[in-house]
Each structure stands twice: as structure tokens, then as C-alpha cells.
Amino acid sequence: MPGKLDGKVALITGGARGMGATEAMLFAREGAKVIIGDVLDEQGVTVAKAIRDDGGTAVYHSLDVALQEAWKRVIKSVEEEFSALHILVNNAGINVRYQVTDMDLGDWDRILAINLTGPMLGIRECAPLIRASGGGSIINIGSLAGKMGHPTTAYAASKWGLRGLSKSAAMELVDWKIRVNTVHPGLIRTPIIDPNGILFKTMSGSTPMERAGEAEEMAAAVLFFASDESSFITGQDLAVDGGFSELTAYRSIWKSAQAAAQGQARK
């Protein structure tokens, strides 16, 4: 049975662990030739080897997304190795949990460099090769911090900026047959998140579906935008968050009101 990405070449940044690694493995199972870009060299090599051991095609390239020289080097290698590129997933990102009154300028610059400048460089450097390959898809990995109020200043600013970058790129690149969309994960279970932590338990309990998402669920959404199944969709935002961003506030009010009404009825 043919895969959804047969004949496609995909570059996934931040692909050495977590959601990025899950996306890389799913893309390979769906027939894509996968390039993993990351700064976690040992982990990236391990993920690429696991994909090859499973019968897929994958290579690892060290890539600091904040450096344009690193992008140019990797894209040159992709062109030499595969002669094409159809999919870019801008997955790499970091967060330092500072509020605005505590924000260190160095951390601010670093977060924006990786989370916002990195995807811009990726789009700029990859788009010409994607165009030459007949078109394709760029998927930027955002966050609920880019859709609603959020207490981590630099991270939220970078993810709101990423939404604007995505929509501008979608307008610019549509004539090149390149679609650009953004996927916003909510609470997703990954190895770097402590499932016993207060934040994890509180957020999962507040999510309308009352659980965290799995990395495979996030990867499935990214696969949809990478595949031809989304061929008439560009410039869009998709929240993979169990309803958190759209339903949580009124759901909480509704449940509290119902509980109060039931309590009064029992009196």
C-alpha cells in the first residue's frame, strides 16, 4: 500500500527527540526520505539509524537553525544527496520561562533567534529548492502561546511572530506552489515533560478532553499538512490541544455554574 509521502523528501528541524523525532519516524513510514536537523548530534544519529533499521531512508545533519551559514550548508547537502526537497517542518524551538519583568536580554535574543529567526531562515533557504522540486509544503510548529495569553514573554512573542511569518510566507509562496501552515500543540506528552509535575497535571485536568495529547497525535496533524491531502489548504492555524484554546474558559464557567445550581437545588 503506497504511503502518503511516497517520493517526497522532508527536512525536519528539532528532529532528534520528542515531537520532531516522532514526526520523522512517521514520515519515513509513509514513504518520505527524511533529513533530521538538530544540535543534539548523538540523539539525531540514533533516530536516523532507527529509521534506516526499520527500512526507511533517513540522514542526520547537525543544524543550528539560528545560523544562516548552517542552513546553507544543510540545503547544499540535501540537494547533493537527494536532488529535491518537498517538505520543511520547522519544529526546533526552546523556552525559558521568564515573565517580562524578569526577562534577560540574552535569553530574549536567543529564544527569538531559534524560534522565529530560525524558521524564517529555513523558509528562505528551502523555498527555492522546494519550488525547483515542483512545490510542496512548509509546516511551522507553533504553540498555544501564539494563540492566547501566556506568561512566558519571549516564547509567546516568538510564537505569535511565527504565526505572522507563516501567513506572510503563505501569501508570497503560493505562486511557487508551496503551502505554508502552522500547527499549534497544546499539552503533548514527551520525554522532556514531567507527567508528575504540577503544571502537567493542572493543564491536563483543565483540557476539555481531560488528558495530554500524545506525540503521535501531533505527528498525524503535521503529516496531514505535509501530504497532498491538504492540497487546498494554506495560511492556516491548527490547534492540536484537546480543545484547550477554544473551550476551556467557558467550559470551566459552565461546569462551575452547573455545580452551583445543583448545590442550590439540593438545599
C-alpha atoms as a PDB file:
ATOM      1  CA  MET A   1       0.000   0.000   0.000  1.00  0.00           C
ATOM      2  CA  PRO A   2       1.577   3.329  -1.012  1.00  0.00           C
ATOM      3  CA  GLY A   3       2.469   5.790   1.711  1.00  0.00           C
ATOM      4  CA  LYS A   4       1.103   9.317   1.915  1.00  0.00           C
ATOM      5  CA  LEU A   5       4.587  10.750   1.320  1.00  0.00           C
ATOM      6  CA  ASP A   6       5.966   8.362  -1.287  1.00  0.00           C
ATOM      7  CA  GLY A   7       8.570  10.104  -3.434  1.00  0.00           C
ATOM      8  CA  LYS A   8       8.828  13.099  -1.082  1.00  0.00           C
ATOM      9  CA  VAL A   9      11.930  14.469   0.609  1.00  0.00           C
ATOM     10  CA  ALA A  10      11.361  16.063   4.006  1.00  0.00           C
ATOM     11  CA  LEU A  11      13.593  18.131   6.284  1.00  0.00           C
ATOM     12  CA  ILE A  12      12.568  18.206   9.954  1.00  0.00           C
ATOM     13  CA  THR A  13      14.367  20.523  12.368  1.00  0.00           C
ATOM     14  CA  GLY A  14      14.487  19.591  16.023  1.00  0.00           C
ATOM     15  CA  GLY A  15      14.048  16.010  14.875  1.00  0.00           C
ATOM     16  CA  ALA A  16      16.397  14.372  17.355  1.00  0.00           C
ATOM     17  CA  ARG A  17      13.831  13.883  20.110  1.00  0.00           C
ATOM     18  CA  GLY A  18      10.256  14.430  21.223  1.00  0.00           C
ATOM     19  CA  MET A  19       7.666  15.509  18.683  1.00  0.00           C
ATOM     20  CA  GLY A  20      10.279  16.055  15.980  1.00  0.00           C
ATOM     21  CA  ALA A  21      11.595  12.513  16.250  1.00  0.00           C
ATOM     22  CA  THR A  22       8.058  11.113  16.192  1.00  0.00           C
ATOM     23  CA  GLU A  23       7.296  13.157  13.068  1.00  0.00           C
ATOM     24  CA  ALA A  24      10.488  11.921  11.409  1.00  0.00           C
ATOM     25  CA  MET A  25       9.651   8.273  12.080  1.00  0.00           C
ATOM     26  CA  LEU A  26       6.048   8.673  10.876  1.00  0.00           C
ATOM     27  CA  PHE A  27       7.135  10.490   7.707  1.00  0.00           C
ATOM     28  CA  ALA A  28       9.603   7.703   6.931  1.00  0.00           C
ATOM     29  CA  ARG A  29       6.931   5.031   7.438  1.00  0.00           C
ATOM     30  CA  GLU A  30       4.765   6.983   4.981  1.00  0.00           C
ATOM     31  CA  GLY A  31       7.493   6.784   2.349  1.00  0.00           C
ATOM     32  CA  ALA A  32       9.412  10.052   2.738  1.00  0.00           C
ATOM     33  CA  LYS A  33      13.175  10.366   2.617  1.00  0.00           C
ATOM     34  CA  VAL A  34      13.863  12.204   5.861  1.00  0.00           C
ATOM     35  CA  ILE A  35      16.593  14.654   6.789  1.00  0.00           C
ATOM     36  CA  ILE A  36      16.820  15.265  10.529  1.00  0.00           C
ATOM     37  CA  GLY A  37      18.362  18.577  11.537  1.00  0.00           C
ATOM     38  CA  ASP A  38      19.289  19.299  15.152  1.00  0.00           C
ATOM     39  CA  VAL A  39      22.099  20.283  17.502  1.00  0.00           C
ATOM     40  CA  LEU A  40      21.701  17.063  19.521  1.00  0.00           C
ATOM     41  CA  ASP A  41      24.069  15.084  17.350  1.00  0.00           C
ATOM     42  CA  GLU A  42      24.155  11.763  19.220  1.00  0.00           C
ATOM     43  CA  GLN A  43      20.367  11.607  19.541  1.00  0.00           C
ATOM     44  CA  GLY A  44      19.859  12.689  15.943  1.00  0.00           C
ATOM     45  CA  VAL A  45      22.186   9.988  14.631  1.00  0.00           C
ATOM     46  CA  THR A  46      20.321   7.430  16.749  1.00  0.00           C
ATOM     47  CA  VAL A  47      16.900   8.443  15.371  1.00  0.00           C
ATOM     48  CA  ALA A  48      18.165   8.342  11.771  1.00  0.00           C
ATOM     49  CA  LYS A  49      19.663   4.886  12.345  1.00  0.00           C
ATOM     50  CA  ALA A  50      16.414   3.635  13.888  1.00  0.00           C
ATOM     51  CA  ILE A  51      14.527   4.775  10.790  1.00  0.00           C
ATOM     52  CA  ARG A  52      17.006   3.013   8.495  1.00  0.00           C
ATOM     53  CA  ASP A  53      16.868  -0.129  10.614  1.00  0.00           C
ATOM     54  CA  ASP A  54      13.091  -0.065  10.135  1.00  0.00           C
ATOM     55  CA  GLY A  55      13.531   0.010   6.362  1.00  0.00           C
ATOM     56  CA  GLY A  56      13.197   3.761   5.841  1.00  0.00           C
ATOM     57  CA  THR A  57      15.526   6.400   4.444  1.00  0.00           C
ATOM     58  CA  ALA A  58      16.974   8.973   6.834  1.00  0.00           C
ATOM     59  CA  VAL A  59      20.116  11.007   7.372  1.00  0.00           C
ATOM     60  CA  TYR A  60      21.148  13.338  10.150  1.00  0.00           C
ATOM     61  CA  HIS A  61      22.748  16.755   9.712  1.00  0.00           C
ATOM     62  CA  SER A  62      23.906  18.982  12.540  1.00  0.00           C
ATOM     63  CA  LEU A  63      21.896  22.195  12.200  1.00  0.00           C
ATOM     64  CA  ASP A  64      21.767  25.277  14.410  1.00  0.00           C
ATOM     65  CA  VAL A  65      18.655  26.901  12.962  1.00  0.00           C
ATOM     66  CA  ALA A  66      19.680  30.381  14.128  1.00  0.00           C
ATOM     67  CA  LEU A  67      22.723  30.409  11.811  1.00  0.00           C
ATOM     68  CA  GLN A  68      22.206  31.136   8.124  1.00  0.00           C
ATOM     69  CA  GLU A  69      25.541  29.507   7.271  1.00  0.00           C
ATOM     70  CA  ALA A  70      24.305  26.256   8.834  1.00  0.00           C
ATOM     71  CA  TRP A  71      21.120  26.361   6.754  1.00  0.00           C
ATOM     72  CA  LYS A  72      23.072  26.992   3.549  1.00  0.00           C
ATOM     73  CA  ARG A  73      25.374  24.057   4.324  1.00  0.00           C
ATOM     74  CA  VAL A  74      22.500  21.666   5.035  1.00  0.00           C
ATOM     75  CA  ILE A  75      20.468  22.701   1.980  1.00  0.00           C
ATOM     76  CA  LYS A  76      23.521  22.224  -0.215  1.00  0.00           C
ATOM     77  CA  SER A  77      23.912  18.717   1.216  1.00  0.00           C
ATOM     78  CA  VAL A  78      20.223  17.933   0.695  1.00  0.00           C
ATOM     79  CA  GLU A  79      20.458  18.994  -2.938  1.00  0.00           C
ATOM     80  CA  GLU A  80      23.582  16.882  -3.457  1.00  0.00           C
ATOM     81  CA  GLU A  81      22.165  13.805  -1.686  1.00  0.00           C
ATOM     82  CA  PHE A  82      18.531  13.850  -2.845  1.00  0.00           C
ATOM     83  CA  SER A  83      18.325  16.397  -5.698  1.00  0.00           C
ATOM     84  CA  ALA A  84      14.993  17.605  -4.302  1.00  0.00           C
ATOM     85  CA  LEU A  85      13.089  18.884  -1.272  1.00  0.00           C
ATOM     86  CA  HIS A  86       9.306  18.872  -0.895  1.00  0.00           C
ATOM     87  CA  ILE A  87       8.609  19.352   2.817  1.00  0.00           C
ATOM     88  CA  LEU A  88      10.075  21.519   5.568  1.00  0.00           C
ATOM     89  CA  VAL A  89       8.947  21.146   9.176  1.00  0.00           C
ATOM     90  CA  ASN A  90      10.216  23.981  11.368  1.00  0.00           C
ATOM     91  CA  ASN A  91       9.992  22.083  14.633  1.00  0.00           C
ATOM     92  CA  ALA A  92      13.091  23.291  16.538  1.00  0.00           C
ATOM     93  CA  GLY A  93      12.360  25.585  19.464  1.00  0.00           C
ATOM     94  CA  ILE A  94      13.283  26.462  23.029  1.00  0.00           C
ATOM     95  CA  ASN A  95      11.627  28.104  26.010  1.00  0.00           C
ATOM     96  CA  VAL A  96      12.926  29.895  29.083  1.00  0.00           C
ATOM     97  CA  ARG A  97      10.084  30.620  31.491  1.00  0.00           C
ATOM     98  CA  TYR A  98      10.650  34.294  32.258  1.00  0.00           C
ATOM     99  CA  GLN A  99       7.940  36.915  32.623  1.00  0.00           C
ATOM    100  CA  VAL A 100       8.543  40.350  31.128  1.00  0.00           C
ATOM    101  CA  THR A 101       9.749  41.994  34.348  1.00  0.00           C
ATOM    102  CA  ASP A 102      12.346  39.227  34.805  1.00  0.00           C
ATOM    103  CA  MET A 103      13.351  38.924  31.150  1.00  0.00           C
ATOM    104  CA  ASP A 104      17.074  38.702  30.494  1.00  0.00           C
ATOM    105  CA  LEU A 105      18.015  40.305  27.177  1.00  0.00           C
ATOM    106  CA  GLY A 106      20.390  37.497  26.273  1.00  0.00           C
ATOM    107  CA  ASP A 107      17.657  34.872  26.749  1.00  0.00           C
ATOM    108  CA  TRP A 108      15.203  37.051  24.825  1.00  0.00           C
ATOM    109  CA  ASP A 109      17.578  37.256  21.862  1.00  0.00           C
ATOM    110  CA  ARG A 110      18.364  33.530  21.974  1.00  0.00           C
ATOM    111  CA  ILE A 111      14.721  32.433  22.086  1.00  0.00           C
ATOM    112  CA  LEU A 112      13.714  34.698  19.206  1.00  0.00           C
ATOM    113  CA  ALA A 113      16.783  33.626  17.225  1.00  0.00           C
ATOM    114  CA  ILE A 114      15.828  29.950  17.432  1.00  0.00           C
ATOM    115  CA  ASN A 115      12.020  30.160  17.470  1.00  0.00           C
ATOM    116  CA  LEU A 116      11.468  32.941  14.934  1.00  0.00           C
ATOM    117  CA  THR A 117      14.632  33.789  13.021  1.00  0.00           C
ATOM    118  CA  GLY A 118      15.309  30.055  12.584  1.00  0.00           C
ATOM    119  CA  PRO A 119      12.039  29.344  10.760  1.00  0.00           C
ATOM    120  CA  MET A 120      12.487  32.483   8.647  1.00  0.00           C
ATOM    121  CA  LEU A 121      15.925  31.311   7.565  1.00  0.00           C
ATOM    122  CA  GLY A 122      14.563  27.836   6.927  1.00  0.00           C
ATOM    123  CA  ILE A 123      11.785  29.140   4.705  1.00  0.00           C
ATOM    124  CA  ARG A 124      14.142  31.490   2.878  1.00  0.00           C
ATOM    125  CA  GLU A 125      16.768  28.844   2.211  1.00  0.00           C
ATOM    126  CA  CYS A 126      14.447  25.897   1.490  1.00  0.00           C
ATOM    127  CA  ALA A 127      11.786  27.573  -0.656  1.00  0.00           C
ATOM    128  CA  PRO A 128      13.861  27.806  -3.855  1.00  0.00           C
ATOM    129  CA  LEU A 129      14.686  24.079  -3.744  1.00  0.00           C
ATOM    130  CA  ILE A 130      11.072  23.170  -2.942  1.00  0.00           C
ATOM    131  CA  ARG A 131       9.984  25.303  -5.904  1.00  0.00           C
ATOM    132  CA  ALA A 132      12.522  23.606  -8.172  1.00  0.00           C
ATOM    133  CA  SER A 133      11.191  20.234  -6.959  1.00  0.00           C
ATOM    134  CA  GLY A 134       7.678  21.087  -8.145  1.00  0.00           C
ATOM    135  CA  GLY A 135       6.290  22.644  -4.995  1.00  0.00           C
ATOM    136  CA  GLY A 136       5.397  21.287  -1.598  1.00  0.00           C
ATOM    137  CA  SER A 137       4.570  22.156   1.973  1.00  0.00           C
ATOM    138  CA  ILE A 138       6.109  24.061   4.873  1.00  0.00           C
ATOM    139  CA  ILE A 139       4.769  23.368   8.340  1.00  0.00           C
ATOM    140  CA  ASN A 140       5.726  25.638  11.221  1.00  0.00           C
ATOM    141  CA  ILE A 141       5.282  24.281  14.739  1.00  0.00           C
ATOM    142  CA  GLY A 142       3.731  26.990  16.869  1.00  0.00           C
ATOM    143  CA  SER A 143       2.221  26.776  20.332  1.00  0.00           C
ATOM    144  CA  LEU A 144      -0.859  27.750  22.292  1.00  0.00           C
ATOM    145  CA  ALA A 145       1.413  30.562  23.494  1.00  0.00           C
ATOM    146  CA  GLY A 146       0.948  32.005  20.000  1.00  0.00           C
ATOM    147  CA  LYS A 147      -2.851  31.770  20.101  1.00  0.00           C
ATOM    148  CA  MET A 148      -3.778  33.031  23.562  1.00  0.00           C
ATOM    149  CA  GLY A 149      -2.372  34.887  26.548  1.00  0.00           C
ATOM    150  CA  HIS A 150       0.690  33.193  28.003  1.00  0.00           C
ATOM    151  CA  PRO A 151       3.042  34.065  30.893  1.00  0.00           C
ATOM    152  CA  THR A 152       6.382  33.295  29.200  1.00  0.00           C
ATOM    153  CA  THR A 153       7.270  36.545  27.463  1.00  0.00           C
ATOM    154  CA  ALA A 154       9.903  35.704  24.867  1.00  0.00           C
ATOM    155  CA  TYR A 155       8.400  32.329  23.979  1.00  0.00           C
ATOM    156  CA  ALA A 156       4.938  33.824  23.484  1.00  0.00           C
ATOM    157  CA  ALA A 157       6.337  36.690  21.402  1.00  0.00           C
ATOM    158  CA  SER A 158       8.241  34.247  19.199  1.00  0.00           C
ATOM    159  CA  LYS A 159       5.196  32.052  18.605  1.00  0.00           C
ATOM    160  CA  TRP A 160       2.879  34.990  17.830  1.00  0.00           C
ATOM    161  CA  GLY A 161       5.564  36.197  15.439  1.00  0.00           C
ATOM    162  CA  LEU A 162       5.729  32.752  13.863  1.00  0.00           C
ATOM    163  CA  ARG A 163       2.035  32.961  13.015  1.00  0.00           C
ATOM    164  CA  GLY A 164       2.628  36.232  11.182  1.00  0.00           C
ATOM    165  CA  LEU A 165       5.661  34.820   9.402  1.00  0.00           C
ATOM    166  CA  SER A 166       3.624  31.794   8.302  1.00  0.00           C
ATOM    167  CA  LYS A 167       0.818  33.873   6.824  1.00  0.00           C
ATOM    168  CA  SER A 168       3.208  36.217   5.022  1.00  0.00           C
ATOM    169  CA  ALA A 169       5.159  33.287   3.616  1.00  0.00           C
ATOM    170  CA  ALA A 170       1.907  31.579   2.564  1.00  0.00           C
ATOM    171  CA  MET A 171       0.941  34.647   0.531  1.00  0.00           C
ATOM    172  CA  GLU A 172       4.367  35.032  -1.005  1.00  0.00           C
ATOM    173  CA  LEU A 173       4.986  31.376  -1.849  1.00  0.00           C
ATOM    174  CA  VAL A 174       1.596  30.382  -3.208  1.00  0.00           C
ATOM    175  CA  ASP A 175       2.793  31.241  -6.728  1.00  0.00           C
ATOM    176  CA  TRP A 176       5.655  28.784  -6.192  1.00  0.00           C
ATOM    177  CA  LYS A 177       3.134  26.013  -5.376  1.00  0.00           C
ATOM    178  CA  ILE A 178       4.315  25.993  -1.769  1.00  0.00           C
ATOM    179  CA  ARG A 179       1.748  25.797   1.023  1.00  0.00           C
ATOM    180  CA  VAL A 180       2.583  27.188   4.487  1.00  0.00           C
ATOM    181  CA  ASN A 181       0.582  26.264   7.582  1.00  0.00           C
ATOM    182  CA  THR A 182       1.089  26.315  11.345  1.00  0.00           C
ATOM    183  CA  VAL A 183       0.276  23.573  13.843  1.00  0.00           C
ATOM    184  CA  HIS A 184      -0.074  24.593  17.482  1.00  0.00           C
ATOM    185  CA  PRO A 185       0.414  21.824  20.057  1.00  0.00           C
ATOM    186  CA  GLY A 186      -1.225  22.001  23.438  1.00  0.00           C
ATOM    187  CA  LEU A 187      -0.008  19.773  26.245  1.00  0.00           C
ATOM    188  CA  ILE A 188       1.770  16.913  24.478  1.00  0.00           C
ATOM    189  CA  ARG A 189       3.370  14.047  26.373  1.00  0.00           C
ATOM    190  CA  THR A 190       7.085  13.882  25.514  1.00  0.00           C
ATOM    191  CA  PRO A 191      10.179  12.625  27.397  1.00  0.00           C
ATOM    192  CA  ILE A 192      11.156  16.186  28.400  1.00  0.00           C
ATOM    193  CA  ILE A 193       7.853  16.830  30.252  1.00  0.00           C
ATOM    194  CA  ASP A 194       7.395  15.529  33.795  1.00  0.00           C
ATOM    195  CA  PRO A 195       3.990  13.786  33.898  1.00  0.00           C
ATOM    196  CA  ASN A 196       4.035  14.029  37.700  1.00  0.00           C
ATOM    197  CA  GLY A 197       4.623  17.783  37.731  1.00  0.00           C
ATOM    198  CA  ILE A 198       2.004  20.265  38.913  1.00  0.00           C
ATOM    199  CA  LEU A 199       1.874  22.077  35.555  1.00  0.00           C
ATOM    200  CA  PHE A 200       1.280  18.824  33.646  1.00  0.00           C
ATOM    201  CA  LYS A 201      -1.462  17.652  35.994  1.00  0.00           C
ATOM    202  CA  THR A 202      -3.162  21.038  36.137  1.00  0.00           C
ATOM    203  CA  MET A 203      -3.142  21.608  32.384  1.00  0.00           C
ATOM    204  CA  SER A 204      -4.246  18.072  31.530  1.00  0.00           C
ATOM    205  CA  GLY A 205      -7.096  18.392  34.028  1.00  0.00           C
ATOM    206  CA  SER A 206      -8.125  21.738  32.529  1.00  0.00           C
ATOM    207  CA  THR A 207      -8.091  20.416  28.959  1.00  0.00           C
ATOM    208  CA  PRO A 208     -11.656  19.609  27.827  1.00  0.00           C
ATOM    209  CA  MET A 209     -10.565  16.107  26.794  1.00  0.00           C
ATOM    210  CA  GLU A 210      -9.027  15.791  30.289  1.00  0.00           C
ATOM    211  CA  ARG A 211      -5.726  14.353  29.141  1.00  0.00           C
ATOM    212  CA  ALA A 212      -2.464  15.256  27.457  1.00  0.00           C
ATOM    213  CA  GLY A 213      -2.001  14.598  23.769  1.00  0.00           C
ATOM    214  CA  GLU A 214       0.448  12.019  22.508  1.00  0.00           C
ATOM    215  CA  ALA A 215       3.358  12.836  20.197  1.00  0.00           C
ATOM    216  CA  GLU A 216       1.826  10.503  17.606  1.00  0.00           C
ATOM    217  CA  GLU A 217      -1.351  12.629  17.548  1.00  0.00           C
ATOM    218  CA  MET A 218       0.672  15.743  16.905  1.00  0.00           C
ATOM    219  CA  ALA A 219       2.679  13.975  14.194  1.00  0.00           C
ATOM    220  CA  ALA A 220      -0.532  12.895  12.462  1.00  0.00           C
ATOM    221  CA  ALA A 221      -1.626  16.526  12.154  1.00  0.00           C
ATOM    222  CA  VAL A 222       1.758  17.524  10.740  1.00  0.00           C
ATOM    223  CA  LEU A 223       1.566  14.606   8.295  1.00  0.00           C
ATOM    224  CA  PHE A 224      -1.796  15.886   7.061  1.00  0.00           C
ATOM    225  CA  PHE A 225      -0.295  19.265   6.149  1.00  0.00           C
ATOM    226  CA  ALA A 226       2.772  17.608   4.626  1.00  0.00           C
ATOM    227  CA  SER A 227       0.711  15.319   2.404  1.00  0.00           C
ATOM    228  CA  ASP A 228      -1.386  16.012  -0.666  1.00  0.00           C
ATOM    229  CA  GLU A 229      -4.497  15.503   1.460  1.00  0.00           C
ATOM    230  CA  SER A 230      -4.177  19.195   2.406  1.00  0.00           C
ATOM    231  CA  SER A 231      -3.505  20.342  -1.167  1.00  0.00           C
ATOM    232  CA  PHE A 232      -6.078  23.181  -0.995  1.00  0.00           C
ATOM    233  CA  ILE A 233      -5.087  24.493   2.449  1.00  0.00           C
ATOM    234  CA  THR A 234      -2.550  27.245   3.105  1.00  0.00           C
ATOM    235  CA  GLY A 235      -2.044  30.079   5.568  1.00  0.00           C
ATOM    236  CA  GLN A 236      -3.975  28.274   8.303  1.00  0.00           C
ATOM    237  CA  ASP A 237      -3.558  27.619  12.029  1.00  0.00           C
ATOM    238  CA  LEU A 238      -4.485  24.266  13.548  1.00  0.00           C
ATOM    239  CA  ALA A 239      -4.515  23.734  17.314  1.00  0.00           C
ATOM    240  CA  VAL A 240      -3.832  20.162  18.421  1.00  0.00           C
ATOM    241  CA  ASP A 241      -4.776  20.762  22.030  1.00  0.00           C
ATOM    242  CA  GLY A 242      -7.800  18.711  23.068  1.00  0.00           C
ATOM    243  CA  GLY A 243      -9.954  21.829  22.887  1.00  0.00           C
ATOM    244  CA  PHE A 244      -7.881  23.822  25.382  1.00  0.00           C
ATOM    245  CA  SER A 245      -7.546  27.089  23.456  1.00  0.00           C
ATOM    246  CA  GLU A 246     -11.178  27.383  22.362  1.00  0.00           C
ATOM    247  CA  LEU A 247     -13.241  25.664  25.036  1.00  0.00           C
ATOM    248  CA  THR A 248     -11.513  25.775  28.419  1.00  0.00           C
ATOM    249  CA  ALA A 249     -12.698  29.143  29.746  1.00  0.00           C
ATOM    250  CA  TYR A 250     -16.427  28.723  29.093  1.00  0.00           C
ATOM    251  CA  ARG A 251     -16.282  25.025  29.940  1.00  0.00           C
ATOM    252  CA  SER A 252     -14.877  25.901  33.368  1.00  0.00           C
ATOM    253  CA  ILE A 253     -17.553  28.577  33.897  1.00  0.00           C
ATOM    254  CA  TRP A 254     -20.305  26.226  32.692  1.00  0.00           C
ATOM    255  CA  LYS A 255     -19.214  23.395  34.974  1.00  0.00           C
ATOM    256  CA  SER A 256     -18.946  25.750  37.957  1.00  0.00           C
ATOM    257  CA  ALA A 257     -22.395  27.183  37.229  1.00  0.00           C
ATOM    258  CA  GLN A 258     -23.893  23.693  36.893  1.00  0.00           C
ATOM    259  CA  ALA A 259     -22.301  22.591  40.165  1.00  0.00           C
ATOM    260  CA  ALA A 260     -23.628  25.688  41.932  1.00  0.00           C
ATOM    261  CA  ALA A 261     -27.113  25.143  40.514  1.00  0.00           C
ATOM    262  CA  GLN A 262     -27.116  21.508  41.622  1.00  0.00           C
ATOM    263  CA  GLY A 263     -25.937  22.543  45.088  1.00  0.00           C
ATOM    264  CA  GLN A 264     -28.757  25.075  45.398  1.00  0.00           C
ATOM    265  CA  ALA A 265     -31.287  22.529  44.167  1.00  0.00           C
ATOM    266  CA  ARG A 266     -30.297  20.143  46.963  1.00  0.00           C
ATOM    267  CA  LYS A 267     -30.898  22.759  49.659  1.00  0.00           C
END
